[in-house]
Amino acid sequence: MTKYCVVQVSMMGGKPDVTFFAYSLGAYGLHRVSDWDDPNVLWYDTVDEAQGRIWPGNANECVVSRCFEDQ
C-alpha cells in the first residue's frame, strides 16, 4: 500500500536536508523529524490529503510517497 507525507526540503551548507512532518501528543505537537521511519510521521492515504497539509505559499514543502507492505 502507498502512503504520502509532507516533507520540507532546505539547503544546509550546500547539502539538501529533508525533514518529515510528524505529530506527537507529548511536548512536541506538530514538528519535523529526519527519519521517515519515525513512528510519529504523519502518513496520509491519498496524495490529495497530503497536499492539503502543505502550508500555503511554502515552496520548500512537497509530498513524497512510500510503499508499505500490506499487513
C-alpha atoms as a PDB file:
ATOM      1  CA  MET A   1       0.000   0.000   0.000  1.00  0.00           C
ATOM      2  CA  THR A   2       1.237   3.513  -0.787  1.00  0.00           C
ATOM      3  CA  LYS A   3       1.112   6.329   1.772  1.00  0.00           C
ATOM      4  CA  TYR A   4       2.011  10.006   1.422  1.00  0.00           C
ATOM      5  CA  CYS A   5       3.617  12.579   3.717  1.00  0.00           C
ATOM      6  CA  VAL A   6       4.636  16.214   3.620  1.00  0.00           C
ATOM      7  CA  VAL A   7       8.334  16.981   3.679  1.00  0.00           C
ATOM      8  CA  GLN A   8      10.338  20.168   3.904  1.00  0.00           C
ATOM      9  CA  VAL A   9      13.477  20.441   1.797  1.00  0.00           C
ATOM     10  CA  SER A  10      16.155  23.001   2.579  1.00  0.00           C
ATOM     11  CA  MET A  11      19.826  23.517   1.853  1.00  0.00           C
ATOM     12  CA  MET A  12      22.187  23.233   4.803  1.00  0.00           C
ATOM     13  CA  GLY A  13      25.791  24.085   3.962  1.00  0.00           C
ATOM     14  CA  GLY A  14      25.259  23.307   0.284  1.00  0.00           C
ATOM     15  CA  LYS A  15      23.730  19.919   1.089  1.00  0.00           C
ATOM     16  CA  PRO A  16      19.988  19.116   0.880  1.00  0.00           C
ATOM     17  CA  ASP A  17      18.236  18.491   4.187  1.00  0.00           C
ATOM     18  CA  VAL A  18      14.869  16.665   4.150  1.00  0.00           C
ATOM     19  CA  THR A  19      12.571  16.568   7.161  1.00  0.00           C
ATOM     20  CA  PHE A  20       9.238  14.782   7.504  1.00  0.00           C
ATOM     21  CA  PHE A  21       6.218  16.285   9.248  1.00  0.00           C
ATOM     22  CA  ALA A  22       5.313  14.405  12.415  1.00  0.00           C
ATOM     23  CA  TYR A  23       2.950  14.797  15.337  1.00  0.00           C
ATOM     24  CA  SER A  24       3.238  13.698  18.929  1.00  0.00           C
ATOM     25  CA  LEU A  25       0.727  14.226  21.720  1.00  0.00           C
ATOM     26  CA  GLY A  26       3.647  14.818  24.063  1.00  0.00           C
ATOM     27  CA  ALA A  27       5.605  18.041  24.278  1.00  0.00           C
ATOM     28  CA  TYR A  28       6.352  18.201  20.546  1.00  0.00           C
ATOM     29  CA  GLY A  29       2.958  18.693  18.879  1.00  0.00           C
ATOM     30  CA  LEU A  30       3.497  19.255  15.148  1.00  0.00           C
ATOM     31  CA  HIS A  31       7.207  19.024  14.385  1.00  0.00           C
ATOM     32  CA  ARG A  32       9.660  17.672  11.806  1.00  0.00           C
ATOM     33  CA  VAL A  33      11.903  14.630  12.028  1.00  0.00           C
ATOM     34  CA  SER A  34      14.784  13.495   9.819  1.00  0.00           C
ATOM     35  CA  ASP A  35      13.819   9.796   9.675  1.00  0.00           C
ATOM     36  CA  TRP A  36      10.715   8.663   7.809  1.00  0.00           C
ATOM     37  CA  ASP A  37      10.705   5.512   9.941  1.00  0.00           C
ATOM     38  CA  ASP A  38       9.896   7.659  12.987  1.00  0.00           C
ATOM     39  CA  PRO A  39       6.541   6.381  14.334  1.00  0.00           C
ATOM     40  CA  ASN A  40       5.217   9.955  14.616  1.00  0.00           C
ATOM     41  CA  VAL A  41       5.490  10.795  10.888  1.00  0.00           C
ATOM     42  CA  LEU A  42       2.086  11.794   9.540  1.00  0.00           C
ATOM     43  CA  TRP A  43       1.223   9.405   6.692  1.00  0.00           C
ATOM     44  CA  TYR A  44      -1.889  10.045   4.584  1.00  0.00           C
ATOM     45  CA  ASP A  45      -3.885   7.639   2.435  1.00  0.00           C
ATOM     46  CA  THR A  46      -4.117   9.926  -0.610  1.00  0.00           C
ATOM     47  CA  VAL A  47      -1.807  12.399  -2.300  1.00  0.00           C
ATOM     48  CA  ASP A  48      -4.607  14.993  -2.245  1.00  0.00           C
ATOM     49  CA  GLU A  49      -4.953  14.682   1.524  1.00  0.00           C
ATOM     50  CA  ALA A  50      -1.199  15.166   1.983  1.00  0.00           C
ATOM     51  CA  GLN A  51      -1.087  18.114  -0.434  1.00  0.00           C
ATOM     52  CA  GLY A  52      -3.834  19.758   1.599  1.00  0.00           C
ATOM     53  CA  ARG A  53      -1.450  19.825   4.593  1.00  0.00           C
ATOM     54  CA  ILE A  54       1.206  21.929   2.840  1.00  0.00           C
ATOM     55  CA  TRP A  55       1.458  25.407   4.333  1.00  0.00           C
ATOM     56  CA  PRO A  56       0.153  27.926   1.745  1.00  0.00           C
ATOM     57  CA  GLY A  57       2.915  29.673  -0.146  1.00  0.00           C
ATOM     58  CA  ASN A  58       5.705  27.453   1.184  1.00  0.00           C
ATOM     59  CA  ALA A  59       7.835  26.491  -1.804  1.00  0.00           C
ATOM     60  CA  ASN A  60      10.070  24.301   0.387  1.00  0.00           C
ATOM     61  CA  GLU A  61       7.351  21.735   1.142  1.00  0.00           C
ATOM     62  CA  CYS A  62       6.250  18.880  -1.068  1.00  0.00           C
ATOM     63  CA  VAL A  63       4.648  15.440  -0.885  1.00  0.00           C
ATOM     64  CA  VAL A  64       6.560  12.178  -1.107  1.00  0.00           C
ATOM     65  CA  SER A  65       5.194   8.675  -1.375  1.00  0.00           C
ATOM     66  CA  ARG A  66       6.297   5.457   0.241  1.00  0.00           C
ATOM     67  CA  CYS A  67       5.205   1.877  -0.289  1.00  0.00           C
ATOM     68  CA  PHE A  68       4.418  -0.129   2.832  1.00  0.00           C
ATOM     69  CA  GLU A  69       3.937  -3.869   2.874  1.00  0.00           C
ATOM     70  CA  ASP A  70       0.329  -4.875   3.407  1.00  0.00           C
ATOM     71  CA  GLN A  71      -0.202  -6.088   6.920  1.00  0.00           C
END
